[in-house]
Protein backbone atom coordinates (compact mmCIF):
# COMPACT_ATOMS: atom_id res chain seq x y z
CA MET A 1 106.47 135.60 136.11
CA GLY A 2 110.03 134.60 135.18
CA ALA A 3 111.19 134.61 131.56
CA ALA A 4 111.68 130.84 131.47
CA LYS A 5 108.17 130.23 132.76
CA VAL A 6 106.69 132.68 130.27
CA ASN A 7 108.46 131.06 127.31
CA SER A 8 107.38 127.61 128.48
CA HIS A 9 103.80 128.80 128.78
CA ARG A 10 103.92 130.34 125.32
CA PHE A 11 105.23 127.13 123.80
CA CYS A 12 102.56 125.08 125.59
CA VAL A 13 99.76 127.36 124.41
CA THR A 14 101.06 127.39 120.84
CA LEU A 15 101.32 123.61 120.70
CA LEU A 16 97.88 123.08 122.16
CA ILE A 17 96.17 125.60 119.94
CA LEU A 18 98.10 124.41 116.88
CA PHE A 19 96.65 120.92 116.98
CA LEU A 20 93.18 121.93 118.17
CA SER A 21 92.82 119.09 120.60
CA LEU A 22 89.24 118.10 121.41
CA THR A 23 88.14 120.21 124.36
CA THR A 24 85.17 121.39 126.34
CA GLY A 25 83.83 124.80 125.31
CA GLN A 26 84.15 127.73 127.63
CA ILE A 27 80.79 128.82 129.00
CA GLY A 28 80.16 132.55 129.18
CA CYS A 29 77.94 135.38 128.07
CA GLY A 30 78.60 138.96 127.01
CA ARG A 31 76.63 142.08 127.78
CA PRO A 32 75.73 145.02 125.54
CA ASN A 33 78.21 147.88 125.70
CA GLN A 34 78.67 151.10 123.75
CA ASP A 35 82.23 151.12 122.42
CA SER A 36 84.10 154.33 121.76
CA ALA A 37 84.61 155.28 118.11
CA GLU A 38 88.38 154.86 118.11
CA ASP A 39 88.02 151.25 119.27
CA LEU A 40 85.64 150.21 116.50
CA PRO A 41 87.19 147.99 113.82
CA ALA A 42 88.37 150.28 111.03
CA ILE A 43 87.11 147.91 108.34
CA VAL A 44 83.69 149.11 109.48
CA THR A 45 84.58 152.56 110.79
CA GLU A 46 86.05 153.37 107.38
CA VAL A 47 82.42 153.79 106.40
CA LEU A 48 81.92 155.96 109.50
CA GLY A 49 84.92 158.14 108.67
CA PHE A 50 87.77 156.61 110.68
CA GLU A 51 91.22 155.72 109.36
CA PRO A 52 92.09 152.07 108.68
CA PRO A 53 95.54 150.69 109.68
CA GLY A 54 98.62 151.39 107.60
CA LEU A 55 101.80 149.39 107.03
CA VAL A 56 102.49 148.93 110.76
CA PRO A 57 100.32 146.43 112.66
CA VAL A 58 98.05 147.75 115.38
CA PRO A 59 95.82 145.95 117.90
CA PHE A 60 92.47 145.00 116.40
CA ALA A 61 89.55 146.52 118.33
CA PRO A 62 91.12 145.88 121.75
CA ARG A 63 88.01 146.95 123.68
CA LEU A 64 86.14 144.18 121.87
CA THR A 65 88.72 141.44 121.63
CA ARG A 66 91.51 141.83 124.19
CA THR A 67 91.35 139.94 127.49
CA ASP A 68 93.73 137.90 129.62
CA GLU A 69 92.83 134.85 127.52
CA ALA A 70 94.14 133.90 124.06
CA GLU A 71 92.32 135.51 121.10
CA LEU A 72 92.87 134.31 117.55
CA ALA A 73 91.38 133.60 114.10
CA VAL A 74 89.07 136.58 113.62
CA ALA A 75 86.40 136.50 110.90
CA ILE A 76 84.47 139.55 109.71
CA SER A 77 81.20 139.32 107.85
CA PRO A 78 81.27 140.68 104.29
CA ARG A 79 78.30 142.78 105.41
CA LEU A 80 80.59 144.43 107.99
CA ASP A 81 78.04 143.90 110.73
CA GLU A 82 79.50 140.99 112.72
CA LEU A 83 82.88 139.76 113.82
CA VAL A 84 83.58 136.30 115.22
CA PHE A 85 86.83 135.20 116.85
CA THR A 86 88.18 132.27 118.86
CA ARG A 87 88.94 132.61 122.53
CA ALA A 88 91.04 129.93 124.23
CA SER A 89 91.38 129.58 127.96
CA ILE A 90 93.62 127.27 129.93
CA ASP A 91 93.04 125.69 133.32
CA GLN A 92 94.07 122.54 135.12
CA SER A 93 91.62 120.47 133.05
CA GLY A 94 93.10 121.58 129.74
CA ILE A 95 92.46 124.11 126.99
CA HIS A 96 88.93 125.30 126.23
CA PHE A 97 87.83 126.89 122.95
CA SER A 98 84.84 129.13 122.40
CA LEU A 99 83.60 131.30 119.56
CA MET A 100 82.87 134.90 120.50
CA SER A 101 80.65 137.19 118.45
CA SER A 102 80.09 140.93 118.38
CA ARG A 103 77.35 142.53 116.30
CA MET A 104 76.91 146.13 115.26
CA VAL A 105 73.65 147.48 116.64
CA ASN A 106 72.54 151.03 115.87
CA GLY A 107 76.05 151.94 114.74
CA LEU A 108 77.72 150.61 117.89
CA TRP A 109 79.34 147.27 118.71
CA ILE A 110 77.86 145.14 121.48
CA ASP A 111 80.13 143.41 123.94
CA PRO A 112 81.32 140.04 122.58
CA HIS A 113 79.32 137.03 123.71
CA GLN A 114 79.50 133.32 123.09
CA VAL A 115 77.76 132.32 119.84
CA SER A 116 74.23 130.98 120.10
CA PHE A 117 75.18 127.55 118.70
CA SER A 118 77.90 126.90 121.29
CA SER A 119 78.16 123.45 122.82
CA GLU A 120 79.99 121.91 125.73
CA HIS A 121 82.34 120.29 123.22
CA GLY A 122 83.94 123.53 122.07
CA GLU A 123 83.89 125.53 118.83
CA ALA A 124 86.78 127.33 117.12
CA GLU A 125 88.12 128.95 113.95
CA ALA A 126 85.04 130.34 112.23
CA PHE A 127 85.00 131.86 108.74
CA PHE A 128 82.23 133.37 106.60
CA ASP A 129 81.29 132.52 103.03
CA SER A 130 81.18 135.33 100.47
CA SER A 131 77.55 136.22 101.24
CA GLY A 132 77.91 136.38 105.01
CA ASP A 133 74.87 134.10 105.32
CA ARG A 134 76.90 131.00 106.14
CA LEU A 135 79.46 130.64 108.91
CA TYR A 136 81.79 127.64 108.95
CA PHE A 137 83.50 126.53 112.16
CA TYR A 138 85.26 123.59 113.81
CA SER A 139 83.59 121.72 116.65
CA GLY A 140 84.21 118.71 118.86
CA HIS A 141 80.48 117.92 118.89
CA PRO A 142 79.70 114.22 118.23
CA GLU A 143 79.11 113.40 114.59
CA PRO A 144 75.49 112.75 113.55
CA GLY A 145 74.35 109.31 114.64
CA THR A 146 77.07 108.99 117.28
CA GLU A 147 77.24 109.76 120.98
CA ASN A 148 80.93 110.16 121.65
CA PRO A 149 83.00 113.20 120.66
CA PRO A 150 85.33 112.62 117.68
CA ARG A 151 89.07 112.24 118.05
CA ALA A 152 89.53 115.61 116.33
CA MET A 153 87.27 118.54 115.57
CA ASN A 154 85.10 118.39 112.44
CA LEU A 155 83.93 121.16 110.15
CA TRP A 156 80.33 122.36 110.62
CA TYR A 157 78.37 125.40 109.48
CA VAL A 158 75.33 127.47 110.42
CA GLU A 159 73.16 129.59 108.14
CA ARG A 160 71.58 132.89 108.95
CA VAL A 161 67.89 132.80 109.76
CA GLY A 162 66.71 136.39 109.95
CA GLU A 163 69.02 138.09 112.43
CA ALA A 164 70.05 134.84 114.13
CA TRP A 165 72.03 131.71 113.28
CA GLY A 166 70.27 128.42 112.61
CA LYS A 167 71.15 124.93 113.79
CA PRO A 168 74.65 123.54 113.09
CA VAL A 169 75.02 121.34 110.00
CA PHE A 170 77.72 118.65 109.87
CA VAL A 171 80.30 118.75 107.04
CA GLY A 172 83.04 116.48 108.40
CA ARG A 173 86.64 116.14 107.23
CA PRO A 174 88.15 115.97 103.75
CA ASP A 175 88.78 112.56 102.23
CA ALA A 176 92.55 112.18 101.84
CA PRO A 177 95.52 110.14 103.16
CA ILE A 178 95.89 112.50 106.10
CA GLU A 179 95.40 112.14 109.81
CA TYR A 180 93.00 115.06 110.12
CA GLY A 181 92.57 118.67 109.13
CA TRP A 182 92.12 122.03 110.82
CA SER A 183 92.55 125.76 110.25
CA GLY A 184 90.52 126.48 107.11
CA SER A 185 90.21 129.26 104.56
CA LEU A 186 87.78 129.58 101.65
CA LEU A 187 88.64 130.69 98.12
CA GLY A 188 85.32 131.71 96.62
CA ASP A 189 82.69 129.43 98.10
CA ASP A 190 83.86 126.10 96.76
CA THR A 191 87.62 125.74 97.36
CA PHE A 192 88.76 125.01 100.88
CA TYR A 193 92.37 125.37 102.07
CA PHE A 194 93.31 123.70 105.33
CA THR A 195 96.11 122.19 107.38
CA ALA A 196 96.68 118.45 107.88
CA ARG A 197 99.34 115.95 108.80
CA PRO A 198 100.07 113.29 106.15
CA TYR A 199 100.07 109.72 107.41
CA GLU A 200 103.61 109.15 106.15
CA ASP A 201 105.02 111.97 108.30
CA ARG A 202 102.83 112.95 111.22
CA ALA A 203 105.54 115.12 112.75
CA LEU A 204 105.00 117.87 110.16
CA ALA A 205 101.91 119.66 108.92
CA ASP A 206 101.24 120.74 105.33
CA ILE A 207 98.63 122.82 103.51
CA TYR A 208 95.97 121.10 101.38
CA GLU A 209 93.15 122.21 99.11
CA VAL A 210 89.84 120.51 98.38
CA SER A 211 86.56 121.33 96.65
CA ILE A 212 83.49 121.68 98.85
CA ARG A 213 80.07 121.50 97.18
CA GLU A 214 76.65 120.74 98.59
CA GLU A 215 78.13 120.24 102.04
CA ARG A 216 80.49 117.53 100.77
CA PHE A 217 84.24 117.46 100.32
CA GLY A 218 86.05 116.21 97.25
CA MET A 219 89.45 114.51 97.39
CA ALA A 220 92.00 116.75 99.08
CA GLN A 221 95.42 117.34 97.58
CA SER A 222 98.57 118.91 98.95
CA ILE A 223 99.34 122.28 97.35
CA GLY A 224 102.89 120.94 97.11
CA PRO A 225 106.24 122.72 96.97
CA PRO A 226 107.52 125.31 97.25
CA VAL A 227 104.95 126.21 99.94
CA ASN A 228 104.95 122.76 101.54
CA THR A 229 108.32 121.34 102.54
CA LYS A 230 109.71 118.12 104.00
CA GLU A 231 111.77 120.00 106.58
CA TYR A 232 109.32 122.38 108.22
CA THR A 233 105.70 122.66 109.26
CA GLU A 234 103.32 124.80 107.18
CA ASN A 235 99.83 125.51 108.42
CA GLU A 236 97.04 128.02 109.08
CA PRO A 237 96.58 129.13 105.45
CA ALA A 238 94.81 132.39 104.60
CA VAL A 239 94.08 132.80 100.89
CA ALA A 240 93.40 136.19 99.28
CA PRO A 241 89.83 136.57 97.96
CA ASP A 242 91.12 136.61 94.37
CA GLY A 243 93.45 133.66 95.02
CA SER A 244 96.53 135.71 94.12
CA PHE A 245 98.47 135.01 97.32
CA ILE A 246 98.48 132.88 100.45
CA VAL A 247 99.72 133.80 103.93
CA PHE A 248 100.60 130.96 106.28
CA TYR A 249 102.38 130.10 109.51
CA SER A 250 105.62 128.13 109.64
CA ALA A 251 107.99 127.22 112.45
CA GLY A 252 111.59 126.06 112.59
CA ARG A 253 112.83 127.85 109.47
CA PRO A 254 116.23 129.56 109.71
CA ASP A 255 114.74 132.99 108.95
CA ASN A 256 112.20 132.79 111.80
CA LEU A 257 112.49 135.81 114.05
CA SER A 258 110.87 133.78 116.81
CA THR A 259 112.86 131.42 118.99
CA LYS A 260 112.21 128.21 120.91
CA MET A 261 110.15 126.69 118.07
CA LEU A 262 107.77 129.63 117.88
CA GLY A 263 106.91 130.52 114.29
CA ASP A 264 106.31 133.42 111.90
CA LEU A 265 104.12 134.36 108.95
CA TYR A 266 105.12 133.77 105.32
CA VAL A 267 103.58 134.81 102.01
CA SER A 268 103.57 133.16 98.59
CA PHE A 269 102.12 134.69 95.41
CA ARG A 270 100.45 132.62 92.71
CA HIS A 271 102.02 132.45 89.24
CA ASP A 272 99.95 132.86 86.08
CA ASP A 273 100.16 129.10 85.54
CA GLY A 274 98.47 128.48 88.91
CA GLY A 275 101.59 127.42 90.78
CA TRP A 276 102.96 129.13 93.86
CA ALA A 277 106.10 131.25 94.08
CA GLU A 278 108.82 130.59 96.63
CA PRO A 279 107.46 131.69 100.03
CA ARG A 280 108.93 134.85 101.51
CA HIS A 281 109.38 135.52 105.18
CA ILE A 282 107.44 138.65 106.17
CA ASP A 283 109.72 141.18 107.81
CA GLU A 284 109.23 143.28 110.89
CA PRO A 285 107.07 144.97 112.03
CA ILE A 286 104.49 142.32 111.04
CA ASN A 287 106.65 139.44 112.31
CA SER A 288 108.53 139.95 115.54
CA ALA A 289 110.64 138.12 118.11
CA ALA A 290 107.34 136.90 119.57
CA GLU A 291 105.09 134.46 117.71
CA GLU A 292 102.77 135.47 114.86
CA ASN A 293 100.12 133.04 113.63
CA TRP A 294 96.47 132.49 112.62
CA PRO A 295 96.48 134.88 109.63
CA ARG A 296 93.18 135.96 108.08
CA ILE A 297 92.48 138.22 105.10
CA SER A 298 89.42 140.45 104.88
CA HIS A 299 86.82 139.72 102.20
CA ASP A 300 87.81 142.84 100.28
CA GLY A 301 91.48 141.79 100.36
CA LYS A 302 92.59 145.04 101.98
CA TYR A 303 93.61 143.87 105.45
CA LEU A 304 95.66 141.12 107.03
CA PHE A 305 94.65 139.98 110.51
CA PHE A 306 96.83 137.79 112.72
CA SER A 307 97.54 136.83 116.32
CA SER A 308 100.70 137.68 118.22
CA ASN A 309 101.89 137.45 121.81
CA ARG A 310 104.11 140.53 121.40
CA ARG A 311 102.24 142.59 123.99
CA GLU A 312 104.56 143.36 126.89
CA GLY A 313 103.53 141.57 130.05
CA SER A 314 101.33 139.02 128.27
CA GLU A 315 102.28 135.51 127.18
CA LEU A 316 99.04 134.86 125.29
CA PRO A 317 98.16 136.03 121.75
CA ASP A 318 96.09 139.10 120.91
CA LEU A 319 94.54 140.10 117.59
CA TYR A 320 96.34 142.57 115.29
CA TRP A 321 95.75 143.89 111.79
CA VAL A 322 97.64 145.73 109.07
CA SER A 323 97.11 146.91 105.51
CA ALA A 324 97.61 144.12 102.97
CA GLU A 325 99.65 146.67 100.99
CA ALA A 326 102.50 145.69 103.32
CA LEU A 327 102.71 142.38 101.42
CA GLU A 328 103.15 143.89 97.95
CA LYS A 329 106.92 144.18 98.26
CA TYR A 330 107.09 140.38 98.32
CA ARG A 331 105.25 139.96 95.01
CA PRO A 332 107.64 138.41 92.46
CA ALA A 333 108.58 140.39 89.38
CA ILE A 334 106.86 139.24 86.18
CA SER A 335 110.10 137.62 84.99
CA ASP A 336 110.44 135.53 88.18
């Protein structure tokens, strides 16, 4: 495949995934498989005696997650017994999202399979609450009391019933002067960070926060500058479990290592007064000349997960992870 075609494909995939257009879910099923020890996710194998990643990103469990499709937005249960990630495939009919799950059984990971609550409308971007008993996700399933799919995906959740997941429960979208939201991250179990486009400027995306209690959203508010800007797009927030920093994706900034409107990851630390410090571009080897996006932070705060299409010969993103210690050099001095 020529370089121009590859770059065009990358840009198309990024744009489609970025706005999570309503799609039909990919239908598929996994099969049990005994994975070798070195391929097990180190967040779990740390308990089994294997080394976690250091300051240089490495592929995340490639035997479990890497295919010829796009893999992104991984979530790991706080119990360390299940991982869920989004797989996106592209064909002539469009882009198709599905949630893939792998469970640890008898100390070994089973081959990823589509989640039990999948629908033909597509599911994407799952994340666990702090207990691991609730899994939030986006879906294009029709809202309760309606027959037609919504214009954009809504937030839903399932709760664990024994060893399985129960029926999906509708949450909806935050109430705010925004077109719609996507790409969420929880701080605790009651503060939700997400991406949206404000009505007054639909060309750019910003990061918002909103309370979520008893399956209902409060009024969402922009987290404001210096994280959000009027010049660039900011989205896909990942908030540290203690709320001390946020990692997000941004495109078009002059310090982007990526080209052709592909973006990079940035980090901002929270001040003692609750405000955010000036975002810092994350250097190589976490960012690269390829595109890095969909950051996630483990529930213990030790690891940063993200997607990147840096793999030679592939134009679609794979999952990577790195020690969160790599972000400490960007923490502002106390006097800042």
